[in-house]
Amino acid sequence: MARPFGERSSIKKRSVVIDGRKTSVSLENDFWEEVKNVAQSRGQTVVDFVADVRKGYEGHNVSSALRLSVLEHYRGQDKQPPA
């Protein structure tokens, strides 16, 4: 059974350490679940996936970049983020 919208849409802030630096990322619960799923499908940890996305979208908001990467994955594009 699907969780209520309010539970799915609430934003959770998580910290990840990338290249020795702590980075905070805020995403809705459903996006965090899909970030985990996409990372697993690529054989990566969540931290490695976030690091790859961050490198590909350098200078852009990491949360937005993760949302776009998840969307691309499920649209079947599953490309590396632009260099």
N, C-alpha and C. Protein backbone atom coordinates (compact mmCIF):
# COMPACT_ATOMS: atom_id res chain seq x y z
N MET A 1 0.83 -1.18 0.00
CA MET A 1 0.00 0.00 0.00
C MET A 1 0.88 1.24 0.00
N ALA A 2 0.51 2.21 -0.79
CA ALA A 2 1.30 3.43 -0.91
C ALA A 2 1.21 4.25 0.37
N ARG A 3 2.30 4.91 0.66
CA ARG A 3 2.32 5.80 1.83
C ARG A 3 1.53 7.07 1.51
N PRO A 4 0.99 7.74 2.53
CA PRO A 4 0.27 8.99 2.30
C PRO A 4 1.18 10.04 1.67
N PHE A 5 0.58 10.93 0.88
CA PHE A 5 1.35 11.95 0.15
C PHE A 5 2.24 12.75 1.09
N GLY A 6 1.71 13.16 2.22
CA GLY A 6 2.50 13.97 3.16
C GLY A 6 3.75 13.28 3.63
N GLU A 7 3.67 11.98 3.79
CA GLU A 7 4.83 11.20 4.21
C GLU A 7 5.85 11.08 3.08
N ARG A 8 5.36 10.92 1.85
CA ARG A 8 6.25 10.77 0.69
C ARG A 8 6.90 12.08 0.31
N SER A 9 6.18 13.20 0.52
CA SER A 9 6.66 14.47 0.02
C SER A 9 7.48 15.26 1.04
N SER A 10 7.52 14.79 2.29
CA SER A 10 8.29 15.54 3.28
C SER A 10 9.77 15.46 2.91
N ILE A 11 10.43 16.58 3.10
CA ILE A 11 11.84 16.68 2.70
C ILE A 11 12.74 16.27 3.86
N LYS A 12 13.71 15.44 3.52
CA LYS A 12 14.69 14.98 4.50
C LYS A 12 16.06 15.50 4.08
N LYS A 13 16.75 16.09 5.03
CA LYS A 13 18.10 16.57 4.78
C LYS A 13 19.07 15.51 5.29
N ARG A 14 19.98 15.13 4.42
CA ARG A 14 21.00 14.16 4.79
C ARG A 14 22.36 14.73 4.45
N SER A 15 23.34 14.32 5.21
CA SER A 15 24.71 14.76 4.95
C SER A 15 25.50 13.59 4.38
N VAL A 16 26.29 13.88 3.36
CA VAL A 16 27.19 12.89 2.78
C VAL A 16 28.58 13.52 2.72
N VAL A 17 29.58 12.69 2.88
CA VAL A 17 30.96 13.16 2.80
C VAL A 17 31.51 12.76 1.45
N ILE A 18 31.88 13.78 0.66
CA ILE A 18 32.42 13.57 -0.68
C ILE A 18 33.77 14.27 -0.74
N ASP A 19 34.79 13.51 -1.10
CA ASP A 19 36.15 14.05 -1.17
C ASP A 19 36.53 14.77 0.13
N GLY A 20 36.13 14.18 1.25
CA GLY A 20 36.50 14.73 2.54
C GLY A 20 35.67 15.93 2.99
N ARG A 21 34.69 16.32 2.19
CA ARG A 21 33.86 17.48 2.54
C ARG A 21 32.43 17.02 2.80
N LYS A 22 31.86 17.54 3.88
CA LYS A 22 30.48 17.22 4.22
C LYS A 22 29.55 18.09 3.37
N THR A 23 28.62 17.44 2.71
CA THR A 23 27.65 18.13 1.85
C THR A 23 26.25 17.74 2.31
N SER A 24 25.39 18.74 2.49
CA SER A 24 24.00 18.46 2.86
C SER A 24 23.15 18.40 1.60
N VAL A 25 22.28 17.41 1.56
CA VAL A 25 21.39 17.24 0.41
C VAL A 25 19.97 17.08 0.96
N SER A 26 19.05 17.88 0.42
CA SER A 26 17.65 17.82 0.83
C SER A 26 16.81 17.25 -0.30
N LEU A 27 16.14 16.14 -0.04
CA LEU A 27 15.27 15.50 -1.04
C LEU A 27 14.02 14.95 -0.35
N GLU A 28 12.97 14.82 -1.13
CA GLU A 28 11.76 14.17 -0.65
C GLU A 28 12.07 12.69 -0.38
N ASN A 29 11.31 12.10 0.55
CA ASN A 29 11.53 10.70 0.90
C ASN A 29 11.53 9.79 -0.32
N ASP A 30 10.57 9.99 -1.22
CA ASP A 30 10.50 9.14 -2.42
C ASP A 30 11.76 9.27 -3.27
N PHE A 31 12.31 10.47 -3.39
CA PHE A 31 13.54 10.62 -4.17
C PHE A 31 14.71 9.94 -3.48
N TRP A 32 14.79 10.01 -2.16
CA TRP A 32 15.87 9.30 -1.47
C TRP A 32 15.80 7.81 -1.75
N GLU A 33 14.59 7.25 -1.73
CA GLU A 33 14.44 5.83 -2.04
C GLU A 33 14.93 5.53 -3.45
N GLU A 34 14.60 6.38 -4.39
CA GLU A 34 15.00 6.14 -5.78
C GLU A 34 16.49 6.40 -6.00
N VAL A 35 17.08 7.33 -5.27
CA VAL A 35 18.54 7.51 -5.33
C VAL A 35 19.21 6.21 -4.90
N LYS A 36 18.72 5.61 -3.82
CA LYS A 36 19.27 4.33 -3.36
C LYS A 36 19.11 3.25 -4.44
N ASN A 37 17.93 3.18 -5.05
CA ASN A 37 17.67 2.17 -6.08
C ASN A 37 18.56 2.36 -7.31
N VAL A 38 18.70 3.60 -7.77
CA VAL A 38 19.54 3.87 -8.94
C VAL A 38 21.00 3.54 -8.62
N ALA A 39 21.47 3.96 -7.47
CA ALA A 39 22.85 3.66 -7.08
C ALA A 39 23.08 2.15 -7.06
N GLN A 40 22.15 1.42 -6.47
CA GLN A 40 22.27 -0.04 -6.40
C GLN A 40 22.27 -0.65 -7.80
N SER A 41 21.42 -0.14 -8.69
CA SER A 41 21.36 -0.70 -10.05
C SER A 41 22.66 -0.45 -10.81
N ARG A 42 23.41 0.54 -10.41
CA ARG A 42 24.70 0.85 -11.04
C ARG A 42 25.86 0.19 -10.30
N GLY A 43 25.55 -0.52 -9.24
CA GLY A 43 26.61 -1.16 -8.46
C GLY A 43 27.41 -0.16 -7.64
N GLN A 44 26.76 0.93 -7.24
CA GLN A 44 27.42 1.98 -6.48
C GLN A 44 26.79 2.13 -5.11
N THR A 45 27.56 2.74 -4.21
CA THR A 45 26.97 3.18 -2.95
C THR A 45 26.25 4.49 -3.23
N VAL A 46 25.39 4.89 -2.32
CA VAL A 46 24.70 6.18 -2.46
C VAL A 46 25.72 7.31 -2.51
N VAL A 47 26.73 7.25 -1.67
CA VAL A 47 27.76 8.30 -1.64
C VAL A 47 28.49 8.39 -2.97
N ASP A 48 28.84 7.24 -3.56
CA ASP A 48 29.53 7.26 -4.86
C ASP A 48 28.63 7.82 -5.95
N PHE A 49 27.35 7.45 -5.92
CA PHE A 49 26.40 7.99 -6.90
C PHE A 49 26.26 9.50 -6.75
N VAL A 50 26.09 9.96 -5.52
CA VAL A 50 25.98 11.41 -5.27
C VAL A 50 27.24 12.13 -5.74
N ALA A 51 28.40 11.54 -5.48
CA ALA A 51 29.67 12.15 -5.90
C ALA A 51 29.74 12.25 -7.43
N ASP A 52 29.33 11.20 -8.14
CA ASP A 52 29.34 11.22 -9.60
C ASP A 52 28.39 12.29 -10.14
N VAL A 53 27.20 12.36 -9.55
CA VAL A 53 26.23 13.36 -9.99
C VAL A 53 26.76 14.76 -9.71
N ARG A 54 27.34 14.94 -8.56
CA ARG A 54 27.88 16.26 -8.19
C ARG A 54 28.97 16.70 -9.16
N LYS A 55 29.84 15.77 -9.55
CA LYS A 55 30.90 16.11 -10.50
C LYS A 55 30.32 16.49 -11.86
N GLY A 56 29.31 15.77 -12.28
CA GLY A 56 28.71 16.01 -13.59
C GLY A 56 27.91 17.29 -13.66
N TYR A 57 27.43 17.76 -12.52
CA TYR A 57 26.63 18.98 -12.49
C TYR A 57 27.32 20.04 -11.64
N GLU A 58 28.62 20.08 -11.70
CA GLU A 58 29.39 21.01 -10.87
C GLU A 58 28.87 22.43 -11.04
N GLY A 59 28.72 23.10 -9.92
CA GLY A 59 28.23 24.47 -9.95
C GLY A 59 26.71 24.56 -9.87
N HIS A 60 26.04 23.41 -9.86
CA HIS A 60 24.58 23.39 -9.77
C HIS A 60 24.16 22.79 -8.43
N ASN A 61 22.93 23.00 -8.08
CA ASN A 61 22.36 22.48 -6.85
C ASN A 61 22.37 20.95 -6.88
N VAL A 62 22.99 20.34 -5.87
CA VAL A 62 23.12 18.88 -5.84
C VAL A 62 21.76 18.20 -5.73
N SER A 63 20.86 18.75 -4.95
CA SER A 63 19.52 18.15 -4.82
C SER A 63 18.81 18.12 -6.16
N SER A 64 18.86 19.22 -6.88
CA SER A 64 18.22 19.27 -8.20
C SER A 64 18.89 18.31 -9.17
N ALA A 65 20.21 18.25 -9.12
CA ALA A 65 20.95 17.34 -10.00
C ALA A 65 20.57 15.88 -9.72
N LEU A 66 20.38 15.53 -8.47
CA LEU A 66 19.98 14.17 -8.14
C LEU A 66 18.58 13.86 -8.66
N ARG A 67 17.67 14.81 -8.51
CA ARG A 67 16.31 14.60 -9.04
C ARG A 67 16.36 14.35 -10.55
N LEU A 68 17.14 15.18 -11.25
CA LEU A 68 17.25 15.03 -12.70
C LEU A 68 17.91 13.71 -13.08
N SER A 69 18.90 13.29 -12.34
CA SER A 69 19.58 12.02 -12.63
C SER A 69 18.64 10.84 -12.43
N VAL A 70 17.83 10.89 -11.38
CA VAL A 70 16.84 9.83 -11.15
C VAL A 70 15.82 9.82 -12.29
N LEU A 71 15.36 10.99 -12.67
CA LEU A 71 14.39 11.10 -13.77
C LEU A 71 14.98 10.54 -15.06
N GLU A 72 16.21 10.92 -15.38
CA GLU A 72 16.86 10.40 -16.59
C GLU A 72 16.98 8.88 -16.55
N HIS A 73 17.32 8.36 -15.38
CA HIS A 73 17.45 6.91 -15.24
C HIS A 73 16.13 6.22 -15.59
N TYR A 74 15.05 6.72 -15.04
CA TYR A 74 13.76 6.07 -15.27
C TYR A 74 13.16 6.39 -16.62
N ARG A 75 13.66 7.40 -17.28
CA ARG A 75 13.24 7.66 -18.66
C ARG A 75 14.01 6.77 -19.63
N GLY A 76 14.93 5.99 -19.11
CA GLY A 76 15.69 5.07 -19.95
C GLY A 76 16.94 5.68 -20.55
N GLN A 77 17.23 6.90 -20.19
CA GLN A 77 18.41 7.55 -20.75
C GLN A 77 19.66 7.09 -20.01
N ASP A 78 19.59 7.03 -18.70
CA ASP A 78 20.66 6.53 -17.84
C ASP A 78 22.05 6.90 -18.36
N LYS A 79 22.23 8.15 -18.69
CA LYS A 79 23.52 8.64 -19.17
C LYS A 79 24.31 9.19 -17.99
N GLN A 80 25.59 9.28 -18.19
CA GLN A 80 26.41 9.99 -17.23
C GLN A 80 26.03 11.46 -17.30
N PRO A 81 26.06 12.16 -16.17
CA PRO A 81 25.78 13.60 -16.22
C PRO A 81 26.81 14.29 -17.12
N PRO A 82 26.46 15.43 -17.70
CA PRO A 82 27.40 16.13 -18.58
C PRO A 82 28.67 16.50 -17.86
N ALA A 83 29.79 16.44 -18.56
CA ALA A 83 31.09 16.76 -17.96
C ALA A 83 31.33 18.24 -17.94
